[in-house]
Amino acid sequence: MAPPLTVAVGDYDHTRDLFSGEIVTHDVAYKAVARPEELFTRVLEHDEFAAAEMSLAVATSLASRQDGRFVVLPVFPARSFRHGAIWTHVEGPSHPSELAGCRVGIAVWVQTAGVYVRGILSSRYGVDLTSINWIQAGVDTPGRREPAPFEAGAHRIIALTDRTLDELLLAREIDAAITARPPAAAERRDPRVRRMFADVEEEERAYFRDTGVFPIMHVVVVRRSALRDRPDLATELTAALTAAKDRAIQRALSATVPSYPLPWASLHAHAAQDLMGEDFWPYGVSPNELALETFLGYAHEQGITARRLSTKDLFAPEPLRVRT
């Protein structure tokens, strides 16, 4: 008997029922991989897993280059507002408009969080991205490489293989760093490093109220080779991942006891419903059209795609039984 197909996703509360076996997918074994960078490398460079969580930026880049290895599902296990991903020296810029003409560090250019932040800097704060000197380096470990090709165009990007964003920020050799993973200095609460926005939550709430966009970070991709033997796999995975997410939302809303070791968890979940709607973490293309189209516009403006993609270019058609 053939071994089960392995599907790798992050270790979240909204995937835990897949790992525990509360939700079962026929002949599929779910594997948790905590660090996204490791997961993406294993999928792209080592051809592991029949299906896996993937960076939206990388999936978009591959789709634009007609890379046929994967089918992209409208399932979004990771999403996050990213105003809090801008870090500065305590004596550095204190408002996004001050970043024009500055040196700004990035982990990689083809990173979903970075695409959103740069797009917000440009569209919401009027920052000319081509005026910035972009310094690409690993956040805490040197030598990080771009995960996918892109066209820099007029954007000035310098890669440093022997330095880190953390040390560059502390030495004030960059004015700010945009990174989804906080630099080590921020993790240890070094007083020399701070977030650009003093009240990140209020800034992000205001952004959602103004735009209706809840940024999507990751999608789920299925290998076309796996679909040859299991043509219903995409549909089955979408159903299982959605069911696990829906169950997690109900746990988050429960006021009996928190399902997370976090005080006031249910109050925050109900506040999210008040602001964002009953399903504040929706899957599917239609309820996410605005966030997706916003991202695809940013990706094209920043050279990650040669042409402006639409959601039809990115996702498998409905129903999700696709041709291979």
C-alpha atoms as a PDB file:
ATOM      1  CA  MET A   1       0.000   0.000   0.000  1.00  0.00           C
ATOM      2  CA  ALA A   2       1.320   3.429  -0.924  1.00  0.00           C
ATOM      3  CA  PRO A   3       2.262   5.710   1.981  1.00  0.00           C
ATOM      4  CA  PRO A   4      -0.038   8.675   2.669  1.00  0.00           C
ATOM      5  CA  LEU A   5       0.661  11.995   1.006  1.00  0.00           C
ATOM      6  CA  THR A   6       2.322  14.517   3.304  1.00  0.00           C
ATOM      7  CA  VAL A   7       0.894  18.027   3.616  1.00  0.00           C
ATOM      8  CA  ALA A   8       2.972  20.577   5.539  1.00  0.00           C
ATOM      9  CA  VAL A   9       1.534  23.706   7.134  1.00  0.00           C
ATOM     10  CA  GLY A  10       2.362  25.939  10.052  1.00  0.00           C
ATOM     11  CA  ASP A  11       1.646  24.952  13.634  1.00  0.00           C
ATOM     12  CA  TYR A  12      -1.378  27.158  14.314  1.00  0.00           C
ATOM     13  CA  ASP A  13      -4.485  26.740  16.417  1.00  0.00           C
ATOM     14  CA  HIS A  14      -6.459  26.810  13.156  1.00  0.00           C
ATOM     15  CA  THR A  15      -4.531  23.764  11.853  1.00  0.00           C
ATOM     16  CA  ARG A  16      -4.309  21.773  15.089  1.00  0.00           C
ATOM     17  CA  ASP A  17      -7.382  19.624  14.392  1.00  0.00           C
ATOM     18  CA  LEU A  18      -5.596  18.298  11.308  1.00  0.00           C
ATOM     19  CA  PHE A  19      -2.540  17.233  13.328  1.00  0.00           C
ATOM     20  CA  SER A  20      -4.631  15.757  16.145  1.00  0.00           C
ATOM     21  CA  GLY A  21      -6.776  13.697  13.766  1.00  0.00           C
ATOM     22  CA  GLU A  22     -10.018  15.454  14.729  1.00  0.00           C
ATOM     23  CA  ILE A  23     -10.353  16.199  11.000  1.00  0.00           C
ATOM     24  CA  VAL A  24      -9.260  13.391   8.696  1.00  0.00           C
ATOM     25  CA  THR A  25      -8.343  13.541   5.013  1.00  0.00           C
ATOM     26  CA  HIS A  26      -8.175  10.159   3.301  1.00  0.00           C
ATOM     27  CA  ASP A  27      -4.556   8.956   2.822  1.00  0.00           C
ATOM     28  CA  VAL A  28      -3.105  12.308   3.908  1.00  0.00           C
ATOM     29  CA  ALA A  29      -0.670  12.899   6.780  1.00  0.00           C
ATOM     30  CA  TYR A  30      -0.356  16.463   8.071  1.00  0.00           C
ATOM     31  CA  LYS A  31       3.020  17.741   9.232  1.00  0.00           C
ATOM     32  CA  ALA A  32       3.682  20.911  11.231  1.00  0.00           C
ATOM     33  CA  VAL A  33       6.695  23.026  10.248  1.00  0.00           C
ATOM     34  CA  ALA A  34       7.064  25.996  12.564  1.00  0.00           C
ATOM     35  CA  ARG A  35       9.459  28.251  10.638  1.00  0.00           C
ATOM     36  CA  PRO A  36       8.066  29.477   7.298  1.00  0.00           C
ATOM     37  CA  GLU A  37      11.547  30.027   5.829  1.00  0.00           C
ATOM     38  CA  GLU A  38      12.409  26.375   6.411  1.00  0.00           C
ATOM     39  CA  LEU A  39       9.105  25.182   4.972  1.00  0.00           C
ATOM     40  CA  PHE A  40       9.379  27.270   1.813  1.00  0.00           C
ATOM     41  CA  THR A  41      12.950  26.079   1.207  1.00  0.00           C
ATOM     42  CA  ARG A  42      11.965  22.448   1.600  1.00  0.00           C
ATOM     43  CA  VAL A  43       9.091  22.880  -0.848  1.00  0.00           C
ATOM     44  CA  LEU A  44      10.930  24.894  -3.490  1.00  0.00           C
ATOM     45  CA  GLU A  45      14.484  23.547  -3.340  1.00  0.00           C
ATOM     46  CA  HIS A  46      14.045  19.998  -2.052  1.00  0.00           C
ATOM     47  CA  ASP A  47      10.705  19.096  -3.663  1.00  0.00           C
ATOM     48  CA  GLU A  48       9.206  17.897  -0.381  1.00  0.00           C
ATOM     49  CA  PHE A  49       5.497  17.472   0.385  1.00  0.00           C
ATOM     50  CA  ALA A  50       2.511  16.849  -1.853  1.00  0.00           C
ATOM     51  CA  ALA A  51       1.004  20.131  -0.671  1.00  0.00           C
ATOM     52  CA  ALA A  52       2.213  22.868   1.621  1.00  0.00           C
ATOM     53  CA  GLU A  53       1.843  26.375   2.905  1.00  0.00           C
ATOM     54  CA  MET A  54       3.625  28.883   0.680  1.00  0.00           C
ATOM     55  CA  SER A  55       4.473  32.580   0.676  1.00  0.00           C
ATOM     56  CA  LEU A  56       1.890  34.537  -1.329  1.00  0.00           C
ATOM     57  CA  ALA A  57       4.704  36.605  -2.855  1.00  0.00           C
ATOM     58  CA  VAL A  58       6.579  33.507  -4.021  1.00  0.00           C
ATOM     59  CA  ALA A  59       3.401  31.845  -5.319  1.00  0.00           C
ATOM     60  CA  THR A  60       2.605  35.026  -7.243  1.00  0.00           C
ATOM     61  CA  SER A  61       6.108  35.204  -8.678  1.00  0.00           C
ATOM     62  CA  LEU A  62       5.915  31.570  -9.821  1.00  0.00           C
ATOM     63  CA  ALA A  63       2.489  32.093 -11.391  1.00  0.00           C
ATOM     64  CA  SER A  64       3.717  35.119 -13.320  1.00  0.00           C
ATOM     65  CA  ARG A  65       6.560  33.040 -14.757  1.00  0.00           C
ATOM     66  CA  GLN A  66       4.176  30.193 -15.664  1.00  0.00           C
ATOM     67  CA  ASP A  67       5.933  27.783 -13.333  1.00  0.00           C
ATOM     68  CA  GLY A  68       3.638  24.778 -13.620  1.00  0.00           C
ATOM     69  CA  ARG A  69       4.664  22.810 -10.539  1.00  0.00           C
ATOM     70  CA  PHE A  70       1.876  23.974  -8.258  1.00  0.00           C
ATOM     71  CA  VAL A  71      -1.837  24.671  -8.102  1.00  0.00           C
ATOM     72  CA  VAL A  72      -2.609  27.509  -5.679  1.00  0.00           C
ATOM     73  CA  LEU A  73      -5.596  27.119  -3.364  1.00  0.00           C
ATOM     74  CA  PRO A  74      -7.545  30.100  -1.938  1.00  0.00           C
ATOM     75  CA  VAL A  75      -6.672  29.009   1.586  1.00  0.00           C
ATOM     76  CA  PHE A  76      -4.834  31.532   3.759  1.00  0.00           C
ATOM     77  CA  PRO A  77      -3.344  29.977   6.905  1.00  0.00           C
ATOM     78  CA  ALA A  78      -1.220  33.051   7.672  1.00  0.00           C
ATOM     79  CA  ARG A  79      -2.353  36.640   7.500  1.00  0.00           C
ATOM     80  CA  SER A  80      -1.246  39.670   9.465  1.00  0.00           C
ATOM     81  CA  PHE A  81      -1.342  43.431   9.453  1.00  0.00           C
ATOM     82  CA  ARG A  82       2.228  44.631   8.969  1.00  0.00           C
ATOM     83  CA  HIS A  83       2.500  48.209  10.205  1.00  0.00           C
ATOM     84  CA  GLY A  84       4.408  46.687  13.122  1.00  0.00           C
ATOM     85  CA  ALA A  85       7.041  45.253  10.775  1.00  0.00           C
ATOM     86  CA  ILE A  86       8.824  48.607  10.390  1.00  0.00           C
ATOM     87  CA  TRP A  87      11.683  48.910  12.899  1.00  0.00           C
ATOM     88  CA  THR A  88      13.886  51.954  13.431  1.00  0.00           C
ATOM     89  CA  HIS A  89      16.693  53.112  15.679  1.00  0.00           C
ATOM     90  CA  VAL A  90      15.335  55.147  18.576  1.00  0.00           C
ATOM     91  CA  GLU A  91      17.039  58.199  17.054  1.00  0.00           C
ATOM     92  CA  GLY A  92      15.864  57.346  13.545  1.00  0.00           C
ATOM     93  CA  PRO A  93      12.766  58.235  11.491  1.00  0.00           C
ATOM     94  CA  SER A  94       9.510  58.429  13.424  1.00  0.00           C
ATOM     95  CA  HIS A  95       7.021  58.683  10.532  1.00  0.00           C
ATOM     96  CA  PRO A  96       6.812  56.809   7.203  1.00  0.00           C
ATOM     97  CA  SER A  97       7.117  60.034   5.204  1.00  0.00           C
ATOM     98  CA  GLU A  98      10.632  60.435   6.626  1.00  0.00           C
ATOM     99  CA  LEU A  99      11.824  57.237   4.920  1.00  0.00           C
ATOM    100  CA  ALA A 100      12.134  58.905   1.490  1.00  0.00           C
ATOM    101  CA  GLY A 101      15.806  58.966   0.537  1.00  0.00           C
ATOM    102  CA  CYS A 102      16.776  56.738   3.491  1.00  0.00           C
ATOM    103  CA  ARG A 103      18.597  53.422   3.777  1.00  0.00           C
ATOM    104  CA  VAL A 104      16.031  50.745   4.590  1.00  0.00           C
ATOM    105  CA  GLY A 105      16.857  47.127   5.292  1.00  0.00           C
ATOM    106  CA  ILE A 106      14.829  44.193   3.977  1.00  0.00           C
ATOM    107  CA  ALA A 107      15.211  40.466   4.564  1.00  0.00           C
ATOM    108  CA  VAL A 108      14.402  39.761   0.903  1.00  0.00           C
ATOM    109  CA  TRP A 109      12.506  41.711  -1.754  1.00  0.00           C
ATOM    110  CA  VAL A 110      10.175  38.812  -2.631  1.00  0.00           C
ATOM    111  CA  GLN A 111       8.604  38.603   0.818  1.00  0.00           C
ATOM    112  CA  THR A 112       4.876  39.041   1.291  1.00  0.00           C
ATOM    113  CA  ALA A 113       5.156  41.188   4.410  1.00  0.00           C
ATOM    114  CA  GLY A 114       7.642  43.462   2.667  1.00  0.00           C
ATOM    115  CA  VAL A 115       5.486  43.786  -0.440  1.00  0.00           C
ATOM    116  CA  TYR A 116       2.541  44.921   1.687  1.00  0.00           C
ATOM    117  CA  VAL A 117       4.624  47.343   3.768  1.00  0.00           C
ATOM    118  CA  ARG A 118       6.238  48.926   0.716  1.00  0.00           C
ATOM    119  CA  GLY A 119       2.851  49.177  -0.965  1.00  0.00           C
ATOM    120  CA  ILE A 120       1.377  50.860   2.103  1.00  0.00           C
ATOM    121  CA  LEU A 121       4.333  53.255   2.318  1.00  0.00           C
ATOM    122  CA  SER A 122       3.733  54.257  -1.285  1.00  0.00           C
ATOM    123  CA  SER A 123      -0.071  54.332  -1.438  1.00  0.00           C
ATOM    124  CA  ARG A 124      -0.925  55.549   2.063  1.00  0.00           C
ATOM    125  CA  TYR A 125       2.029  57.747   2.997  1.00  0.00           C
ATOM    126  CA  GLY A 126       3.265  58.941  -0.399  1.00  0.00           C
ATOM    127  CA  VAL A 127       6.779  57.503  -0.107  1.00  0.00           C
ATOM    128  CA  ASP A 128       8.615  57.180  -3.440  1.00  0.00           C
ATOM    129  CA  LEU A 129      10.030  53.656  -3.214  1.00  0.00           C
ATOM    130  CA  THR A 130      12.637  54.431  -5.870  1.00  0.00           C
ATOM    131  CA  SER A 131      14.104  57.155  -3.637  1.00  0.00           C
ATOM    132  CA  ILE A 132      15.073  54.591  -0.993  1.00  0.00           C
ATOM    133  CA  ASN A 133      18.363  52.719  -0.877  1.00  0.00           C
ATOM    134  CA  TRP A 134      17.223  49.182  -0.089  1.00  0.00           C
ATOM    135  CA  ILE A 135      19.727  46.982   1.792  1.00  0.00           C
ATOM    136  CA  GLN A 136      18.983  43.254   1.585  1.00  0.00           C
ATOM    137  CA  ALA A 137      20.443  41.051   4.326  1.00  0.00           C
ATOM    138  CA  GLY A 138      19.464  38.290   6.720  1.00  0.00           C
ATOM    139  CA  VAL A 139      17.614  39.518   9.784  1.00  0.00           C
ATOM    140  CA  ASP A 140      19.818  37.908  12.459  1.00  0.00           C
ATOM    141  CA  THR A 141      21.892  35.494  10.354  1.00  0.00           C
ATOM    142  CA  PRO A 142      23.854  36.700   7.304  1.00  0.00           C
ATOM    143  CA  GLY A 143      23.559  35.226   3.844  1.00  0.00           C
ATOM    144  CA  ARG A 144      19.818  35.052   3.243  1.00  0.00           C
ATOM    145  CA  ARG A 145      18.978  34.723  -0.465  1.00  0.00           C
ATOM    146  CA  GLU A 146      16.019  35.782  -2.557  1.00  0.00           C
ATOM    147  CA  PRO A 147      13.488  32.927  -2.917  1.00  0.00           C
ATOM    148  CA  ALA A 148      12.352  33.890  -6.425  1.00  0.00           C
ATOM    149  CA  PRO A 149      13.552  36.074  -9.322  1.00  0.00           C
ATOM    150  CA  PHE A 150      12.242  39.601  -9.849  1.00  0.00           C
ATOM    151  CA  GLU A 151      12.967  42.746 -11.852  1.00  0.00           C
ATOM    152  CA  ALA A 152      14.241  45.551  -9.629  1.00  0.00           C
ATOM    153  CA  GLY A 153      13.632  48.211 -12.282  1.00  0.00           C
ATOM    154  CA  ALA A 154      14.258  51.644 -10.794  1.00  0.00           C
ATOM    155  CA  HIS A 155      14.448  50.277  -7.246  1.00  0.00           C
ATOM    156  CA  ARG A 156      17.994  50.408  -5.848  1.00  0.00           C
ATOM    157  CA  ILE A 157      18.708  47.154  -3.986  1.00  0.00           C
ATOM    158  CA  ILE A 158      22.112  46.236  -2.534  1.00  0.00           C
ATOM    159  CA  ALA A 159      22.615  42.718  -1.145  1.00  0.00           C
ATOM    160  CA  LEU A 160      24.977  42.262   1.811  1.00  0.00           C
ATOM    161  CA  THR A 161      25.952  38.660   2.443  1.00  0.00           C
ATOM    162  CA  ASP A 162      28.163  39.223   5.512  1.00  0.00           C
ATOM    163  CA  ARG A 163      25.981  41.530   7.623  1.00  0.00           C
ATOM    164  CA  THR A 164      22.597  41.330   9.347  1.00  0.00           C
ATOM    165  CA  LEU A 165      19.749  43.806   9.563  1.00  0.00           C
ATOM    166  CA  ASP A 166      20.005  43.616  13.345  1.00  0.00           C
ATOM    167  CA  GLU A 167      23.614  44.818  13.464  1.00  0.00           C
ATOM    168  CA  LEU A 168      23.090  47.378  10.696  1.00  0.00           C
ATOM    169  CA  LEU A 169      20.151  48.889  12.585  1.00  0.00           C
ATOM    170  CA  LEU A 170      22.037  49.053  15.887  1.00  0.00           C
ATOM    171  CA  ALA A 171      25.024  50.666  14.145  1.00  0.00           C
ATOM    172  CA  ARG A 172      22.677  53.133  12.379  1.00  0.00           C
ATOM    173  CA  GLU A 173      24.043  51.990   9.025  1.00  0.00           C
ATOM    174  CA  ILE A 174      20.420  51.670   7.986  1.00  0.00           C
ATOM    175  CA  ASP A 175      17.656  54.056   9.017  1.00  0.00           C
ATOM    176  CA  ALA A 176      14.953  51.405   9.290  1.00  0.00           C
ATOM    177  CA  ALA A 177      14.322  47.720   8.690  1.00  0.00           C
ATOM    178  CA  ILE A 178      11.208  46.077   7.279  1.00  0.00           C
ATOM    179  CA  THR A 179      10.978  42.523   8.522  1.00  0.00           C
ATOM    180  CA  ALA A 180       8.151  40.168   9.498  1.00  0.00           C
ATOM    181  CA  ARG A 181      10.427  38.537  12.073  1.00  0.00           C
ATOM    182  CA  PRO A 182      11.547  41.117  14.666  1.00  0.00           C
ATOM    183  CA  PRO A 183      15.326  41.620  14.784  1.00  0.00           C
ATOM    184  CA  ALA A 184      17.155  40.137  17.765  1.00  0.00           C
ATOM    185  CA  ALA A 185      17.587  43.550  19.395  1.00  0.00           C
ATOM    186  CA  ALA A 186      13.820  44.044  19.406  1.00  0.00           C
ATOM    187  CA  GLU A 187      13.223  40.535  20.764  1.00  0.00           C
ATOM    188  CA  ARG A 188      15.472  41.261  23.746  1.00  0.00           C
ATOM    189  CA  ARG A 189      13.865  44.715  24.161  1.00  0.00           C
ATOM    190  CA  ASP A 190      17.020  46.670  23.436  1.00  0.00           C
ATOM    191  CA  PRO A 191      16.049  50.326  24.083  1.00  0.00           C
ATOM    192  CA  ARG A 192      17.935  51.449  20.975  1.00  0.00           C
ATOM    193  CA  VAL A 193      15.382  49.799  18.660  1.00  0.00           C
ATOM    194  CA  ARG A 194      11.664  50.558  18.401  1.00  0.00           C
ATOM    195  CA  ARG A 195       8.727  50.093  16.091  1.00  0.00           C
ATOM    196  CA  MET A 196       8.094  53.110  13.891  1.00  0.00           C
ATOM    197  CA  PHE A 197       4.452  53.319  14.966  1.00  0.00           C
ATOM    198  CA  ALA A 198       3.987  53.921  18.681  1.00  0.00           C
ATOM    199  CA  ASP A 199       0.436  52.500  18.595  1.00  0.00           C
ATOM    200  CA  VAL A 200       0.631  49.726  16.034  1.00  0.00           C
ATOM    201  CA  GLU A 201      -2.793  48.249  16.772  1.00  0.00           C
ATOM    202  CA  GLU A 202      -4.626  51.530  16.301  1.00  0.00           C
ATOM    203  CA  GLU A 203      -2.696  52.237  13.079  1.00  0.00           C
ATOM    204  CA  GLU A 204      -3.656  48.827  11.724  1.00  0.00           C
ATOM    205  CA  ARG A 205      -7.292  49.149  12.781  1.00  0.00           C
ATOM    206  CA  ALA A 206      -7.453  52.528  11.036  1.00  0.00           C
ATOM    207  CA  TYR A 207      -5.935  50.956   7.919  1.00  0.00           C
ATOM    208  CA  PHE A 208      -8.627  48.253   7.881  1.00  0.00           C
ATOM    209  CA  ARG A 209     -11.426  50.756   8.486  1.00  0.00           C
ATOM    210  CA  ASP A 210     -10.161  52.885   5.589  1.00  0.00           C
ATOM    211  CA  THR A 211      -9.331  50.116   3.112  1.00  0.00           C
ATOM    212  CA  GLY A 212     -11.132  46.909   4.136  1.00  0.00           C
ATOM    213  CA  VAL A 213      -7.861  45.001   3.569  1.00  0.00           C
ATOM    214  CA  PHE A 214      -6.736  42.280   5.999  1.00  0.00           C
ATOM    215  CA  PRO A 215      -3.344  41.345   4.479  1.00  0.00           C
ATOM    216  CA  ILE A 216      -2.833  37.736   3.380  1.00  0.00           C
ATOM    217  CA  MET A 217       0.653  36.327   3.962  1.00  0.00           C
ATOM    218  CA  HIS A 218       0.490  32.673   2.882  1.00  0.00           C
ATOM    219  CA  VAL A 219      -1.519  30.399   0.607  1.00  0.00           C
ATOM    220  CA  VAL A 220      -1.559  26.614   0.225  1.00  0.00           C
ATOM    221  CA  VAL A 221      -0.136  25.006  -2.904  1.00  0.00           C
ATOM    222  CA  VAL A 222      -0.614  21.471  -4.240  1.00  0.00           C
ATOM    223  CA  ARG A 223       1.859  19.784  -6.552  1.00  0.00           C
ATOM    224  CA  ARG A 224       0.386  18.999  -9.953  1.00  0.00           C
ATOM    225  CA  SER A 225       2.212  15.677  -9.806  1.00  0.00           C
ATOM    226  CA  ALA A 226       0.135  14.754  -6.729  1.00  0.00           C
ATOM    227  CA  LEU A 227      -3.080  15.726  -8.510  1.00  0.00           C
ATOM    228  CA  ARG A 228      -2.441  13.229 -11.289  1.00  0.00           C
ATOM    229  CA  ASP A 229      -3.189  10.378  -8.881  1.00  0.00           C
ATOM    230  CA  ARG A 230      -5.547  12.311  -6.589  1.00  0.00           C
ATOM    231  CA  PRO A 231      -7.605  14.726  -8.738  1.00  0.00           C
ATOM    232  CA  ASP A 232      -9.872  15.491  -5.759  1.00  0.00           C
ATOM    233  CA  LEU A 233      -6.969  16.325  -3.460  1.00  0.00           C
ATOM    234  CA  ALA A 234      -7.275  20.094  -3.891  1.00  0.00           C
ATOM    235  CA  THR A 235     -10.982  20.010  -3.032  1.00  0.00           C
ATOM    236  CA  GLU A 236     -10.419  17.715  -0.052  1.00  0.00           C
ATOM    237  CA  LEU A 237      -7.612  19.843   1.366  1.00  0.00           C
ATOM    238  CA  THR A 238      -9.608  23.038   0.952  1.00  0.00           C
ATOM    239  CA  ALA A 239     -12.529  21.484   2.849  1.00  0.00           C
ATOM    240  CA  ALA A 240     -10.312  20.113   5.646  1.00  0.00           C
ATOM    241  CA  LEU A 241      -8.321  23.328   6.127  1.00  0.00           C
ATOM    242  CA  THR A 242     -11.511  25.384   6.132  1.00  0.00           C
ATOM    243  CA  ALA A 243     -13.160  23.130   8.708  1.00  0.00           C
ATOM    244  CA  ALA A 244     -10.093  23.335  10.975  1.00  0.00           C
ATOM    245  CA  LYS A 245     -10.080  27.122  10.707  1.00  0.00           C
ATOM    246  CA  ASP A 246     -13.811  27.408  11.433  1.00  0.00           C
ATOM    247  CA  ARG A 247     -13.418  25.263  14.555  1.00  0.00           C
ATOM    248  CA  ALA A 248     -10.537  27.458  15.748  1.00  0.00           C
ATOM    249  CA  ILE A 249     -12.636  30.605  15.353  1.00  0.00           C
ATOM    250  CA  GLN A 250     -15.362  29.058  17.503  1.00  0.00           C
ATOM    251  CA  ARG A 251     -12.766  28.205  20.161  1.00  0.00           C
ATOM    252  CA  ALA A 252     -11.440  31.771  20.041  1.00  0.00           C
ATOM    253  CA  LEU A 253     -14.948  33.173  20.532  1.00  0.00           C
ATOM    254  CA  SER A 254     -15.743  30.939  23.496  1.00  0.00           C
ATOM    255  CA  ALA A 255     -15.916  32.929  26.737  1.00  0.00           C
ATOM    256  CA  THR A 256     -15.896  29.866  29.020  1.00  0.00           C
ATOM    257  CA  VAL A 257     -12.107  29.590  29.214  1.00  0.00           C
ATOM    258  CA  PRO A 258      -9.513  30.882  26.706  1.00  0.00           C
ATOM    259  CA  SER A 259      -8.349  28.329  24.142  1.00  0.00           C
ATOM    260  CA  TYR A 260      -5.061  30.262  23.983  1.00  0.00           C
ATOM    261  CA  PRO A 261      -2.898  31.130  27.031  1.00  0.00           C
ATOM    262  CA  LEU A 262      -3.895  34.755  26.494  1.00  0.00           C
ATOM    263  CA  PRO A 263      -6.033  36.920  28.779  1.00  0.00           C
ATOM    264  CA  TRP A 264      -9.142  38.454  27.181  1.00  0.00           C
ATOM    265  CA  ALA A 265      -8.786  36.175  24.127  1.00  0.00           C
ATOM    266  CA  SER A 266     -12.542  35.910  23.528  1.00  0.00           C
ATOM    267  CA  LEU A 267     -13.001  39.665  23.967  1.00  0.00           C
ATOM    268  CA  HIS A 268     -10.422  40.268  21.217  1.00  0.00           C
ATOM    269  CA  ALA A 269     -12.123  37.683  18.986  1.00  0.00           C
ATOM    270  CA  HIS A 270     -15.511  39.358  19.425  1.00  0.00           C
ATOM    271  CA  ALA A 271     -13.935  42.768  18.800  1.00  0.00           C
ATOM    272  CA  ALA A 272     -12.505  41.373  15.555  1.00  0.00           C
ATOM    273  CA  GLN A 273     -15.995  40.254  14.539  1.00  0.00           C
ATOM    274  CA  ASP A 274     -17.386  43.705  15.288  1.00  0.00           C
ATOM    275  CA  LEU A 275     -14.777  45.311  13.039  1.00  0.00           C
ATOM    276  CA  MET A 276     -14.288  42.683  10.325  1.00  0.00           C
ATOM    277  CA  GLY A 277     -17.418  40.549  10.191  1.00  0.00           C
ATOM    278  CA  GLU A 278     -18.536  37.182  11.510  1.00  0.00           C
ATOM    279  CA  ASP A 279     -15.811  35.214   9.703  1.00  0.00           C
ATOM    280  CA  PHE A 280     -12.832  37.473  10.288  1.00  0.00           C
ATOM    281  CA  TRP A 281     -10.415  34.926   8.743  1.00  0.00           C
ATOM    282  CA  PRO A 282     -12.204  33.947   5.525  1.00  0.00           C
ATOM    283  CA  TYR A 283     -10.971  31.464   2.922  1.00  0.00           C
ATOM    284  CA  GLY A 284     -11.981  31.540  -0.746  1.00  0.00           C
ATOM    285  CA  VAL A 285     -11.351  34.093  -3.489  1.00  0.00           C
ATOM    286  CA  SER A 286     -14.566  36.106  -3.343  1.00  0.00           C
ATOM    287  CA  PRO A 287     -14.422  37.335   0.287  1.00  0.00           C
ATOM    288  CA  ASN A 288     -10.725  38.137  -0.160  1.00  0.00           C
ATOM    289  CA  GLU A 289     -10.870  39.812  -3.577  1.00  0.00           C
ATOM    290  CA  LEU A 290      -9.945  43.251  -2.223  1.00  0.00           C
ATOM    291  CA  ALA A 291      -6.922  42.077  -0.231  1.00  0.00           C
ATOM    292  CA  LEU A 292      -5.718  39.893  -3.110  1.00  0.00           C
ATOM    293  CA  GLU A 293      -6.123  42.538  -5.795  1.00  0.00           C
ATOM    294  CA  THR A 294      -4.349  45.057  -3.566  1.00  0.00           C
ATOM    295  CA  PHE A 295      -1.417  42.676  -3.142  1.00  0.00           C
ATOM    296  CA  LEU A 296      -1.260  41.787  -6.847  1.00  0.00           C
ATOM    297  CA  GLY A 297      -1.137  45.488  -7.692  1.00  0.00           C
ATOM    298  CA  TYR A 298       1.731  46.052  -5.266  1.00  0.00           C
ATOM    299  CA  ALA A 299       3.575  42.985  -6.606  1.00  0.00           C
ATOM    300  CA  HIS A 300       3.455  44.326 -10.150  1.00  0.00           C
ATOM    301  CA  GLU A 301       4.532  47.827  -9.112  1.00  0.00           C
ATOM    302  CA  GLN A 302       7.521  46.348  -7.267  1.00  0.00           C
ATOM    303  CA  GLY A 303       8.743  44.144 -10.138  1.00  0.00           C
ATOM    304  CA  ILE A 304       7.744  40.798  -8.657  1.00  0.00           C
ATOM    305  CA  THR A 305       5.473  40.158 -11.635  1.00  0.00           C
ATOM    306  CA  ALA A 306       6.182  41.327 -15.176  1.00  0.00           C
ATOM    307  CA  ARG A 307       2.488  42.009 -15.725  1.00  0.00           C
ATOM    308  CA  ARG A 308      -0.434  42.772 -13.454  1.00  0.00           C
ATOM    309  CA  LEU A 309      -1.952  39.434 -12.470  1.00  0.00           C
ATOM    310  CA  SER A 310      -5.573  38.906 -11.498  1.00  0.00           C
ATOM    311  CA  THR A 311      -6.948  36.364  -9.054  1.00  0.00           C
ATOM    312  CA  LYS A 312      -7.910  34.213 -12.052  1.00  0.00           C
ATOM    313  CA  ASP A 313      -4.229  34.009 -12.991  1.00  0.00           C
ATOM    314  CA  LEU A 314      -3.268  32.899  -9.498  1.00  0.00           C
ATOM    315  CA  PHE A 315      -5.864  30.418  -8.261  1.00  0.00           C
ATOM    316  CA  ALA A 316      -7.262  27.132  -9.422  1.00  0.00           C
ATOM    317  CA  PRO A 317     -10.670  27.447 -11.102  1.00  0.00           C
ATOM    318  CA  GLU A 318     -13.818  26.448  -9.265  1.00  0.00           C
ATOM    319  CA  PRO A 319     -14.638  23.696  -8.712  1.00  0.00           C
ATOM    320  CA  LEU A 320     -11.144  22.755  -7.554  1.00  0.00           C
ATOM    321  CA  ARG A 321     -10.971  19.573  -9.606  1.00  0.00           C
ATOM    322  CA  VAL A 322      -8.217  20.765 -11.938  1.00  0.00           C
ATOM    323  CA  ARG A 323      -6.638  19.426 -15.062  1.00  0.00           C
ATOM    324  CA  THR A 324      -3.039  18.242 -14.803  1.00  0.00           C
END
